[in-house]
N, C-alpha and C. Protein backbone atom coordinates (compact mmCIF):
# COMPACT_ATOMS: atom_id res chain seq x y z
N MET A 1 -4.47 -34.68 -26.69
CA MET A 1 -4.53 -34.97 -25.26
C MET A 1 -5.97 -35.33 -24.91
N LYS A 2 -6.14 -36.33 -24.11
CA LYS A 2 -7.47 -36.76 -23.73
C LYS A 2 -8.10 -35.70 -22.83
N PRO A 3 -9.44 -35.52 -22.90
CA PRO A 3 -10.11 -34.48 -22.13
C PRO A 3 -9.86 -34.56 -20.63
N VAL A 4 -9.87 -35.76 -20.04
CA VAL A 4 -9.68 -35.90 -18.60
C VAL A 4 -8.25 -35.49 -18.23
N LEU A 5 -7.27 -35.94 -18.97
CA LEU A 5 -5.88 -35.61 -18.71
C LEU A 5 -5.66 -34.10 -18.87
N PHE A 6 -6.25 -33.52 -19.92
CA PHE A 6 -6.13 -32.08 -20.15
C PHE A 6 -6.70 -31.30 -18.96
N THR A 7 -7.84 -31.73 -18.44
CA THR A 7 -8.47 -31.06 -17.30
C THR A 7 -7.58 -31.16 -16.06
N LEU A 8 -7.01 -32.33 -15.79
CA LEU A 8 -6.13 -32.51 -14.64
C LEU A 8 -4.88 -31.64 -14.75
N VAL A 9 -4.29 -31.59 -15.94
CA VAL A 9 -3.09 -30.77 -16.14
C VAL A 9 -3.45 -29.29 -15.96
N SER A 10 -4.58 -28.87 -16.49
CA SER A 10 -5.01 -27.48 -16.36
C SER A 10 -5.23 -27.11 -14.89
N LEU A 11 -5.87 -28.01 -14.13
CA LEU A 11 -6.09 -27.74 -12.71
C LEU A 11 -4.78 -27.67 -11.95
N ALA A 12 -3.84 -28.54 -12.26
CA ALA A 12 -2.54 -28.54 -11.58
C ALA A 12 -1.79 -27.25 -11.87
N LEU A 13 -1.81 -26.80 -13.11
CA LEU A 13 -1.14 -25.55 -13.46
C LEU A 13 -1.79 -24.36 -12.78
N ALA A 14 -3.10 -24.35 -12.73
CA ALA A 14 -3.82 -23.24 -12.09
C ALA A 14 -3.51 -23.20 -10.60
N ALA A 15 -3.45 -24.36 -9.96
CA ALA A 15 -3.16 -24.40 -8.52
C ALA A 15 -1.74 -23.92 -8.25
N GLY A 16 -0.81 -24.28 -9.10
CA GLY A 16 0.57 -23.89 -8.90
C GLY A 16 0.81 -22.41 -9.11
N SER A 17 -0.05 -21.74 -9.88
CA SER A 17 0.16 -20.33 -10.16
C SER A 17 -0.79 -19.43 -9.37
N ALA A 18 -1.51 -20.02 -8.43
CA ALA A 18 -2.46 -19.23 -7.64
C ALA A 18 -1.71 -18.17 -6.84
N ALA A 19 -2.22 -16.96 -6.88
CA ALA A 19 -1.58 -15.85 -6.15
C ALA A 19 -2.02 -15.87 -4.70
N ALA A 20 -1.11 -15.49 -3.83
CA ALA A 20 -1.43 -15.37 -2.41
C ALA A 20 -2.33 -14.15 -2.22
N ASP A 21 -3.15 -14.18 -1.21
CA ASP A 21 -4.00 -13.05 -0.88
C ASP A 21 -3.14 -12.01 -0.17
N PRO A 22 -2.97 -10.81 -0.74
CA PRO A 22 -2.11 -9.81 -0.10
C PRO A 22 -2.61 -9.35 1.26
N LEU A 23 -3.90 -9.59 1.55
CA LEU A 23 -4.47 -9.20 2.83
C LEU A 23 -4.27 -10.26 3.92
N ASP A 24 -3.86 -11.47 3.53
CA ASP A 24 -3.63 -12.54 4.50
C ASP A 24 -2.23 -12.41 5.08
N VAL A 25 -2.08 -11.49 6.00
CA VAL A 25 -0.78 -11.19 6.60
C VAL A 25 -0.61 -11.84 7.97
N PHE A 26 -1.58 -12.63 8.38
CA PHE A 26 -1.58 -13.19 9.73
C PHE A 26 -0.66 -14.41 9.82
N GLY A 27 0.03 -14.53 10.96
CA GLY A 27 0.97 -15.62 11.18
C GLY A 27 2.20 -15.09 11.91
N THR A 28 3.23 -15.91 11.99
CA THR A 28 4.47 -15.52 12.65
C THR A 28 5.57 -15.43 11.61
N PHE A 29 6.34 -14.35 11.67
CA PHE A 29 7.36 -14.06 10.67
C PHE A 29 8.69 -13.71 11.32
N ALA A 30 9.78 -14.14 10.66
CA ALA A 30 11.13 -13.75 11.09
C ALA A 30 11.43 -12.42 10.42
N THR A 31 11.91 -11.46 11.21
CA THR A 31 12.30 -10.18 10.63
C THR A 31 13.45 -10.39 9.66
N GLU A 32 13.72 -9.40 8.83
CA GLU A 32 14.74 -9.55 7.80
C GLU A 32 16.11 -9.88 8.38
N GLU A 33 16.45 -9.30 9.52
CA GLU A 33 17.73 -9.59 10.18
C GLU A 33 17.72 -10.95 10.87
N GLU A 34 16.54 -11.57 10.96
CA GLU A 34 16.33 -12.87 11.59
C GLU A 34 16.73 -12.89 13.07
N ASN A 35 16.65 -11.73 13.73
CA ASN A 35 16.98 -11.68 15.15
C ASN A 35 15.74 -11.61 16.03
N SER A 36 14.57 -11.61 15.40
CA SER A 36 13.33 -11.65 16.18
C SER A 36 12.20 -12.20 15.31
N HIS A 37 11.14 -12.65 16.01
CA HIS A 37 9.93 -13.12 15.33
C HIS A 37 8.78 -12.22 15.75
N VAL A 38 7.93 -11.91 14.78
CA VAL A 38 6.77 -11.07 15.02
C VAL A 38 5.52 -11.87 14.67
N GLU A 39 4.61 -11.96 15.64
CA GLU A 39 3.34 -12.64 15.41
C GLU A 39 2.31 -11.59 15.03
N ILE A 40 1.69 -11.80 13.87
CA ILE A 40 0.66 -10.87 13.41
C ILE A 40 -0.70 -11.53 13.59
N ALA A 41 -1.52 -10.89 14.40
CA ALA A 41 -2.85 -11.40 14.72
C ALA A 41 -3.86 -10.26 14.58
N ASP A 42 -5.11 -10.60 14.68
CA ASP A 42 -6.20 -9.62 14.61
C ASP A 42 -6.13 -8.70 15.83
N CYS A 43 -6.16 -7.41 15.58
CA CYS A 43 -6.16 -6.41 16.68
C CYS A 43 -7.46 -6.43 17.47
N GLY A 44 -8.47 -7.10 16.93
CA GLY A 44 -9.78 -7.10 17.57
C GLY A 44 -10.82 -6.43 16.69
N ASP A 45 -10.33 -5.73 15.66
CA ASP A 45 -11.23 -5.04 14.74
C ASP A 45 -11.06 -5.54 13.30
N GLY A 46 -10.36 -6.68 13.15
CA GLY A 46 -10.11 -7.24 11.83
C GLY A 46 -8.80 -6.79 11.20
N SER A 47 -8.19 -5.76 11.75
CA SER A 47 -6.91 -5.28 11.22
C SER A 47 -5.75 -5.99 11.91
N PRO A 48 -4.60 -6.05 11.26
CA PRO A 48 -3.46 -6.76 11.84
C PRO A 48 -2.67 -5.94 12.85
N CYS A 49 -2.23 -6.62 13.92
CA CYS A 49 -1.29 -6.07 14.90
C CYS A 49 -0.13 -7.04 15.00
N GLY A 50 1.09 -6.53 15.01
CA GLY A 50 2.28 -7.36 15.09
C GLY A 50 2.97 -7.20 16.43
N THR A 51 3.17 -8.33 17.12
CA THR A 51 3.79 -8.34 18.44
C THR A 51 5.08 -9.16 18.40
N ILE A 52 6.13 -8.65 19.03
CA ILE A 52 7.40 -9.37 19.09
C ILE A 52 7.25 -10.53 20.08
N VAL A 53 7.42 -11.76 19.56
CA VAL A 53 7.21 -12.95 20.38
C VAL A 53 8.48 -13.75 20.63
N TRP A 54 9.57 -13.44 19.94
CA TRP A 54 10.83 -14.14 20.13
C TRP A 54 11.97 -13.21 19.77
N ILE A 55 13.03 -13.27 20.57
CA ILE A 55 14.25 -12.50 20.31
C ILE A 55 15.42 -13.46 20.40
N ASP A 56 16.32 -13.39 19.42
CA ASP A 56 17.52 -14.22 19.43
C ASP A 56 18.40 -13.79 20.61
N PRO A 57 18.71 -14.70 21.52
CA PRO A 57 19.53 -14.34 22.68
C PRO A 57 20.88 -13.70 22.30
N ALA A 58 21.43 -14.10 21.15
CA ALA A 58 22.72 -13.56 20.71
C ALA A 58 22.61 -12.09 20.26
N SER A 59 21.39 -11.59 20.06
CA SER A 59 21.22 -10.23 19.55
C SER A 59 20.98 -9.19 20.64
N VAL A 60 20.86 -9.62 21.89
CA VAL A 60 20.59 -8.66 22.96
C VAL A 60 21.89 -8.14 23.57
N SER A 61 21.81 -6.99 24.21
CA SER A 61 22.98 -6.36 24.83
C SER A 61 23.55 -7.25 25.93
N GLU A 62 24.84 -7.08 26.16
CA GLU A 62 25.51 -7.86 27.21
C GLU A 62 24.83 -7.61 28.55
N GLY A 63 24.62 -8.68 29.30
CA GLY A 63 23.98 -8.58 30.60
C GLY A 63 22.46 -8.64 30.52
N LYS A 64 21.91 -8.71 29.31
CA LYS A 64 20.46 -8.79 29.12
C LYS A 64 20.09 -10.16 28.58
N THR A 65 18.83 -10.51 28.73
CA THR A 65 18.26 -11.72 28.15
C THR A 65 17.12 -11.26 27.24
N PRO A 66 16.59 -12.14 26.42
CA PRO A 66 15.43 -11.73 25.62
C PRO A 66 14.28 -11.19 26.50
N GLU A 67 14.13 -11.75 27.70
CA GLU A 67 13.04 -11.33 28.59
C GLU A 67 13.31 -9.96 29.24
N THR A 68 14.58 -9.56 29.34
CA THR A 68 14.90 -8.28 29.97
C THR A 68 15.36 -7.21 28.99
N ALA A 69 15.49 -7.56 27.71
CA ALA A 69 15.94 -6.59 26.70
C ALA A 69 14.92 -5.45 26.60
N THR A 70 15.44 -4.23 26.47
CA THR A 70 14.57 -3.05 26.39
C THR A 70 14.86 -2.25 25.12
N ASP A 71 13.87 -1.45 24.73
CA ASP A 71 14.02 -0.60 23.56
C ASP A 71 14.72 0.70 23.96
N ALA A 72 14.79 1.64 23.03
CA ALA A 72 15.46 2.92 23.27
C ALA A 72 14.79 3.73 24.38
N ASP A 73 13.50 3.45 24.64
CA ASP A 73 12.75 4.16 25.68
C ASP A 73 12.70 3.41 27.00
N GLY A 74 13.38 2.24 27.08
CA GLY A 74 13.40 1.47 28.31
C GLY A 74 12.24 0.50 28.48
N LYS A 75 11.37 0.35 27.44
CA LYS A 75 10.27 -0.60 27.51
C LYS A 75 10.76 -1.98 27.08
N LYS A 76 10.22 -3.03 27.73
CA LYS A 76 10.59 -4.38 27.34
C LYS A 76 10.20 -4.63 25.89
N ILE A 77 11.10 -5.25 25.14
CA ILE A 77 10.86 -5.51 23.71
C ILE A 77 9.96 -6.73 23.52
N LEU A 78 10.21 -7.79 24.27
CA LEU A 78 9.40 -9.01 24.14
C LEU A 78 7.97 -8.70 24.54
N GLY A 79 7.03 -8.96 23.64
CA GLY A 79 5.62 -8.65 23.90
C GLY A 79 5.20 -7.28 23.40
N LEU A 80 6.14 -6.53 22.86
CA LEU A 80 5.87 -5.18 22.37
C LEU A 80 5.09 -5.22 21.05
N THR A 81 4.06 -4.41 20.92
CA THR A 81 3.33 -4.29 19.66
C THR A 81 4.11 -3.33 18.78
N MET A 82 4.56 -3.83 17.62
CA MET A 82 5.36 -2.97 16.73
C MET A 82 4.65 -2.64 15.43
N LEU A 83 3.58 -3.34 15.09
CA LEU A 83 2.79 -3.04 13.89
C LEU A 83 1.34 -2.86 14.32
N GLN A 84 0.71 -1.76 13.86
CA GLN A 84 -0.70 -1.54 14.23
C GLN A 84 -1.29 -0.41 13.40
N GLY A 85 -2.61 -0.25 13.52
CA GLY A 85 -3.32 0.87 12.92
C GLY A 85 -3.56 0.78 11.43
N PHE A 86 -3.58 -0.41 10.86
CA PHE A 86 -3.70 -0.57 9.41
C PHE A 86 -5.13 -0.50 8.91
N GLU A 87 -5.26 -0.05 7.67
CA GLU A 87 -6.54 -0.03 6.98
C GLU A 87 -6.45 -0.94 5.77
N LYS A 88 -7.53 -1.70 5.54
CA LYS A 88 -7.58 -2.64 4.43
C LYS A 88 -7.68 -1.88 3.11
N LYS A 89 -6.81 -2.24 2.19
CA LYS A 89 -6.82 -1.71 0.83
C LYS A 89 -6.89 -2.90 -0.12
N ALA A 90 -7.10 -2.65 -1.39
CA ALA A 90 -7.23 -3.74 -2.36
C ALA A 90 -5.96 -4.58 -2.47
N LYS A 91 -4.79 -3.95 -2.34
CA LYS A 91 -3.53 -4.66 -2.56
C LYS A 91 -2.71 -4.83 -1.29
N GLY A 92 -3.35 -4.81 -0.13
CA GLY A 92 -2.64 -5.00 1.12
C GLY A 92 -3.18 -4.10 2.21
N TRP A 93 -2.39 -3.92 3.26
CA TRP A 93 -2.77 -3.09 4.40
C TRP A 93 -1.92 -1.83 4.37
N ALA A 94 -2.53 -0.67 4.56
CA ALA A 94 -1.81 0.61 4.49
C ALA A 94 -2.22 1.51 5.65
N ASP A 95 -1.55 2.64 5.72
CA ASP A 95 -1.85 3.69 6.71
C ASP A 95 -1.66 3.22 8.15
N GLY A 96 -0.81 2.20 8.35
CA GLY A 96 -0.50 1.73 9.70
C GLY A 96 0.82 2.32 10.18
N THR A 97 1.30 1.79 11.29
CA THR A 97 2.59 2.23 11.82
C THR A 97 3.46 1.03 12.16
N ILE A 98 4.77 1.26 12.10
CA ILE A 98 5.76 0.28 12.54
C ILE A 98 6.69 0.97 13.51
N TYR A 99 6.94 0.30 14.62
CA TYR A 99 7.81 0.84 15.67
C TYR A 99 9.17 0.18 15.57
N ASN A 100 10.24 0.97 15.58
CA ASN A 100 11.59 0.45 15.56
C ASN A 100 12.15 0.52 16.97
N PRO A 101 12.25 -0.63 17.66
CA PRO A 101 12.72 -0.62 19.06
C PRO A 101 14.14 -0.09 19.23
N LYS A 102 15.00 -0.31 18.24
CA LYS A 102 16.39 0.17 18.36
C LYS A 102 16.45 1.69 18.44
N GLU A 103 15.58 2.36 17.67
CA GLU A 103 15.59 3.82 17.61
C GLU A 103 14.57 4.45 18.54
N GLY A 104 13.56 3.66 18.93
CA GLY A 104 12.47 4.22 19.72
C GLY A 104 11.59 5.14 18.88
N LYS A 105 11.53 4.87 17.57
CA LYS A 105 10.77 5.73 16.65
C LYS A 105 9.69 4.93 15.93
N THR A 106 8.61 5.64 15.58
CA THR A 106 7.49 5.05 14.86
C THR A 106 7.43 5.66 13.47
N TYR A 107 7.16 4.81 12.49
CA TYR A 107 7.09 5.24 11.09
C TYR A 107 5.76 4.80 10.48
N GLY A 108 5.38 5.43 9.39
CA GLY A 108 4.23 4.97 8.61
C GLY A 108 4.57 3.60 8.05
N SER A 109 3.56 2.76 7.82
CA SER A 109 3.83 1.41 7.35
C SER A 109 2.74 0.88 6.44
N ARG A 110 3.18 -0.02 5.54
CA ARG A 110 2.28 -0.79 4.68
C ARG A 110 2.78 -2.22 4.72
N ILE A 111 1.86 -3.18 4.71
CA ILE A 111 2.25 -4.59 4.69
C ILE A 111 1.35 -5.35 3.73
N LYS A 112 1.92 -6.40 3.13
CA LYS A 112 1.13 -7.30 2.28
C LYS A 112 1.86 -8.61 2.13
N ARG A 113 1.09 -9.67 1.86
CA ARG A 113 1.65 -11.00 1.64
C ARG A 113 1.97 -11.12 0.15
N LEU A 114 3.17 -11.58 -0.16
CA LEU A 114 3.57 -11.80 -1.54
C LEU A 114 3.18 -13.21 -1.98
N ASP A 115 3.25 -13.46 -3.27
CA ASP A 115 2.84 -14.76 -3.81
C ASP A 115 3.62 -15.93 -3.23
N ASP A 116 4.87 -15.71 -2.81
CA ASP A 116 5.67 -16.80 -2.25
C ASP A 116 5.47 -16.98 -0.75
N GLY A 117 4.51 -16.23 -0.15
CA GLY A 117 4.21 -16.37 1.27
C GLY A 117 5.00 -15.42 2.16
N VAL A 118 5.97 -14.73 1.59
CA VAL A 118 6.79 -13.78 2.34
C VAL A 118 5.97 -12.52 2.60
N LEU A 119 6.22 -11.88 3.75
CA LEU A 119 5.53 -10.65 4.10
C LEU A 119 6.40 -9.46 3.69
N GLU A 120 5.83 -8.58 2.88
CA GLU A 120 6.52 -7.35 2.50
C GLU A 120 6.12 -6.28 3.51
N VAL A 121 7.11 -5.73 4.21
CA VAL A 121 6.88 -4.73 5.25
C VAL A 121 7.59 -3.45 4.84
N LYS A 122 6.84 -2.37 4.77
CA LYS A 122 7.43 -1.09 4.41
C LYS A 122 7.31 -0.13 5.59
N GLY A 123 8.42 0.52 5.90
CA GLY A 123 8.44 1.59 6.88
C GLY A 123 8.70 2.88 6.13
N CYS A 124 7.88 3.90 6.36
CA CYS A 124 7.94 5.10 5.51
C CYS A 124 8.01 6.39 6.32
N ILE A 125 8.76 7.32 5.77
CA ILE A 125 8.75 8.71 6.22
C ILE A 125 8.27 9.49 5.00
N GLY A 126 7.03 9.94 5.05
CA GLY A 126 6.45 10.60 3.88
C GLY A 126 6.41 9.62 2.71
N PRO A 127 6.86 10.07 1.52
CA PRO A 127 6.82 9.19 0.35
C PRO A 127 7.99 8.22 0.26
N LEU A 128 9.00 8.38 1.13
CA LEU A 128 10.17 7.52 1.08
C LEU A 128 9.99 6.31 2.00
N CYS A 129 10.12 5.13 1.41
CA CYS A 129 9.90 3.89 2.17
C CYS A 129 11.11 2.97 2.06
N LYS A 130 11.33 2.22 3.13
CA LYS A 130 12.32 1.15 3.14
C LYS A 130 11.54 -0.16 3.23
N THR A 131 11.86 -1.08 2.36
CA THR A 131 11.15 -2.36 2.31
C THR A 131 11.97 -3.47 2.93
N GLN A 132 11.31 -4.29 3.74
CA GLN A 132 11.91 -5.51 4.28
C GLN A 132 11.03 -6.69 3.88
N LEU A 133 11.66 -7.84 3.76
CA LEU A 133 10.94 -9.07 3.46
C LEU A 133 11.07 -10.00 4.65
N TRP A 134 9.95 -10.36 5.25
CA TRP A 134 9.92 -11.21 6.44
C TRP A 134 9.40 -12.59 6.03
N LYS A 135 10.19 -13.62 6.34
CA LYS A 135 9.82 -14.98 5.99
C LYS A 135 8.93 -15.60 7.06
N PRO A 136 7.95 -16.42 6.64
CA PRO A 136 7.10 -17.10 7.61
C PRO A 136 7.92 -18.07 8.47
N VAL A 137 7.54 -18.20 9.74
CA VAL A 137 8.17 -19.12 10.66
C VAL A 137 7.24 -20.32 10.81
N SER A 138 7.79 -21.52 10.67
CA SER A 138 6.96 -22.73 10.79
C SER A 138 6.58 -22.96 12.23
């Protein structure tokens, strides 16, 4: 193989196998159930905060709209911060919290970006965690 062609092929392979930065969790994501979108932005201190920015109208209770839908505690869901308090770790963000509007409960949480761009979101009670995969929204 000619040196120039070998270099181009090597660069193409390296670019295709580049790993995503697990700390780059910022953007808008569809929850696993795909009934809402969460925008993750800087909380103001460099850590991520996730806010509910869209709710599927078909997923809200009868007589409600996405703008009037409320959580278990009666707070409006649209605009609600559901992810916060994270600390930067080598392999993602940990020691944060995730709020479940359906239950009105807060759980420990860890988040990180996977190589395919999907956000891995874990909600934990002690050492037991449930993992969800949230896809990026264009």
